[in-house]
Protein backbone atom coordinates (compact mmCIF):
# COMPACT_ATOMS: atom_id res chain seq x y z
CA UNK A 1 0.36 0.12 0.11
CA UNK A 2 1.00 3.71 -0.81
CA UNK A 3 -0.04 7.03 -0.77
CA UNK A 4 2.31 9.25 -2.01
CA UNK A 5 0.61 13.35 -1.60
CA UNK A 6 1.79 16.51 -3.15
CA UNK A 7 0.56 19.70 -4.12
CA UNK A 8 1.63 21.47 -0.47
CA UNK A 9 4.10 24.25 0.13
CA UNK A 10 4.02 28.21 1.26
CA UNK A 11 1.33 30.51 0.44
CA UNK A 12 0.48 33.80 1.89
CA UNK A 13 -2.84 34.18 4.13
CA UNK A 14 -5.91 34.54 1.65
CA UNK A 15 -5.02 32.24 -1.09
CA UNK A 16 -5.48 28.91 -2.23
CA UNK A 17 -3.81 25.31 -2.47
CA UNK A 18 -4.86 22.25 -4.15
CA UNK A 19 -3.19 19.34 -2.30
CA UNK A 20 -3.23 15.34 -4.02
CA UNK A 21 -2.68 12.05 -2.95
CA UNK A 22 -2.15 8.86 -5.16
CA UNK A 23 -3.23 5.81 -3.97
CA UNK A 24 -1.38 2.41 -5.04
CA UNK A 25 -1.52 -1.44 -3.62
CA UNK A 26 -5.42 -1.77 -2.76
CA UNK A 27 -8.74 -1.37 -3.89
CA UNK A 28 -9.31 2.08 -3.93
CA UNK A 29 -12.91 2.31 -4.41
CA UNK A 30 -13.19 0.45 -1.28
CA UNK A 31 -12.18 2.47 0.46
CA UNK A 32 -13.00 5.69 3.03
CA UNK A 33 -10.69 8.17 2.34
CA UNK A 34 -9.50 10.97 4.72
CA UNK A 35 -7.08 14.18 5.16
CA UNK A 36 -5.86 14.77 8.47
CA UNK A 37 -3.48 18.13 9.24
CA UNK A 38 -0.95 17.81 12.50
CA UNK A 39 0.41 22.20 13.13
CA UNK A 40 3.50 22.47 14.66
CA UNK A 41 3.26 21.51 18.95
CA UNK A 42 -0.11 19.47 18.43
CA UNK A 43 -1.83 16.65 17.50
CA UNK A 44 -3.52 15.60 14.64
CA UNK A 45 -6.22 16.45 13.77
CA UNK A 46 -9.20 14.82 10.76
CA UNK A 47 -10.36 17.27 8.29
CA UNK A 48 -11.99 15.84 5.81
CA UNK A 49 -13.37 12.56 4.76
CA UNK A 50 -14.98 10.92 2.07
CA UNK A 51 -17.27 7.59 1.42
CA UNK A 52 -16.59 5.52 -1.43
CA UNK A 53 -18.61 6.78 -3.69
CA UNK A 54 -18.11 10.73 -4.25
CA UNK A 55 -21.27 12.25 -2.95
CA UNK A 56 -20.55 11.97 0.60
CA UNK A 57 -18.36 14.25 2.83
CA UNK A 58 -17.42 14.86 6.09
CA UNK A 59 -15.61 17.79 7.60
CA UNK A 60 -14.21 19.56 10.94
CA UNK A 61 -15.97 22.40 11.64
CA UNK A 62 -12.99 24.19 11.73
CA UNK A 63 -12.79 23.75 7.78
CA UNK A 64 -16.65 23.68 7.36
CA UNK A 65 -17.03 26.22 3.92
CA UNK A 66 -13.06 26.42 3.37
CA UNK A 67 -11.86 23.04 2.03
CA UNK A 68 -13.15 20.68 -0.17
CA UNK A 69 -12.26 16.56 -0.41
CA UNK A 70 -12.70 15.60 -3.50
CA UNK A 71 -11.93 11.89 -5.09
CA UNK A 72 -11.22 10.16 -8.27
CA UNK A 73 -12.34 6.56 -8.30
CA UNK A 74 -10.76 5.73 -12.21
CA UNK A 75 -7.86 7.44 -11.42
CA UNK A 76 -6.86 5.70 -7.67
CA UNK A 77 -6.65 9.56 -6.39
CA UNK A 78 -8.11 12.26 -3.51
CA UNK A 79 -7.69 15.67 -3.53
CA UNK A 80 -8.36 18.74 -1.01
CA UNK A 81 -8.60 22.35 -1.91
CA UNK A 82 -7.95 24.04 0.02
CA UNK A 83 -9.70 27.82 0.05
CA UNK A 84 -8.84 31.40 1.92
CA UNK A 85 -6.42 29.83 3.94
CA UNK A 86 -5.22 31.23 7.53
CA UNK A 87 -2.11 30.71 9.27
CA UNK A 88 -3.98 28.65 11.54
CA UNK A 89 -4.01 25.98 8.51
CA UNK A 90 -0.06 25.34 8.66
CA UNK A 91 0.70 21.72 9.10
CA UNK A 92 1.25 18.69 7.43
CA UNK A 93 -1.60 17.74 5.85
CA UNK A 94 -2.08 13.34 5.41
CA UNK A 95 -3.62 11.50 3.40
CA UNK A 96 -4.81 8.41 5.28
CA UNK A 97 -7.25 5.55 3.79
CA UNK A 98 -9.73 3.26 5.33
CA UNK A 99 -12.64 3.89 8.18
CA UNK A 100 -9.68 2.83 10.81
CA UNK A 101 -7.53 4.84 8.94
CA UNK A 102 -5.39 1.88 8.34
CA UNK A 103 -2.98 3.24 5.76
CA UNK A 104 -1.12 6.62 5.77
CA UNK A 105 1.45 8.42 3.46
CA UNK A 106 4.62 10.42 4.77
CA UNK A 107 2.30 14.03 4.49
CA UNK A 108 2.98 17.25 2.87
CA UNK A 109 3.84 20.56 4.28
CA UNK A 110 1.97 23.60 3.84
CA UNK A 111 2.76 26.65 5.41
CA UNK A 112 0.70 29.91 5.70
CA UNK A 113 2.47 33.05 6.50
């Protein structure tokens, strides 16, 4: 199983970023997919999840209306569109697969400054 995140970087407040996660080694379309972040000095926070289809999503209150999760089952990819970024969104963002967060990527750094 491999999950590889990309798309992070340094961005100014108010700007947008789109994170991508490429998955391999499992039946992607059968697993719940998640984005989790860890800010400096803090624990991990689940920010968004998407069911096996593409029409059911969950968002943490802290990002509702700001972030959008989506998936492309044909390409084995999941995305996180992040708009109106704030300094408090600075974190390492992880892609995780499964309802129990069974598989994890190595993360991509997002810095808003």
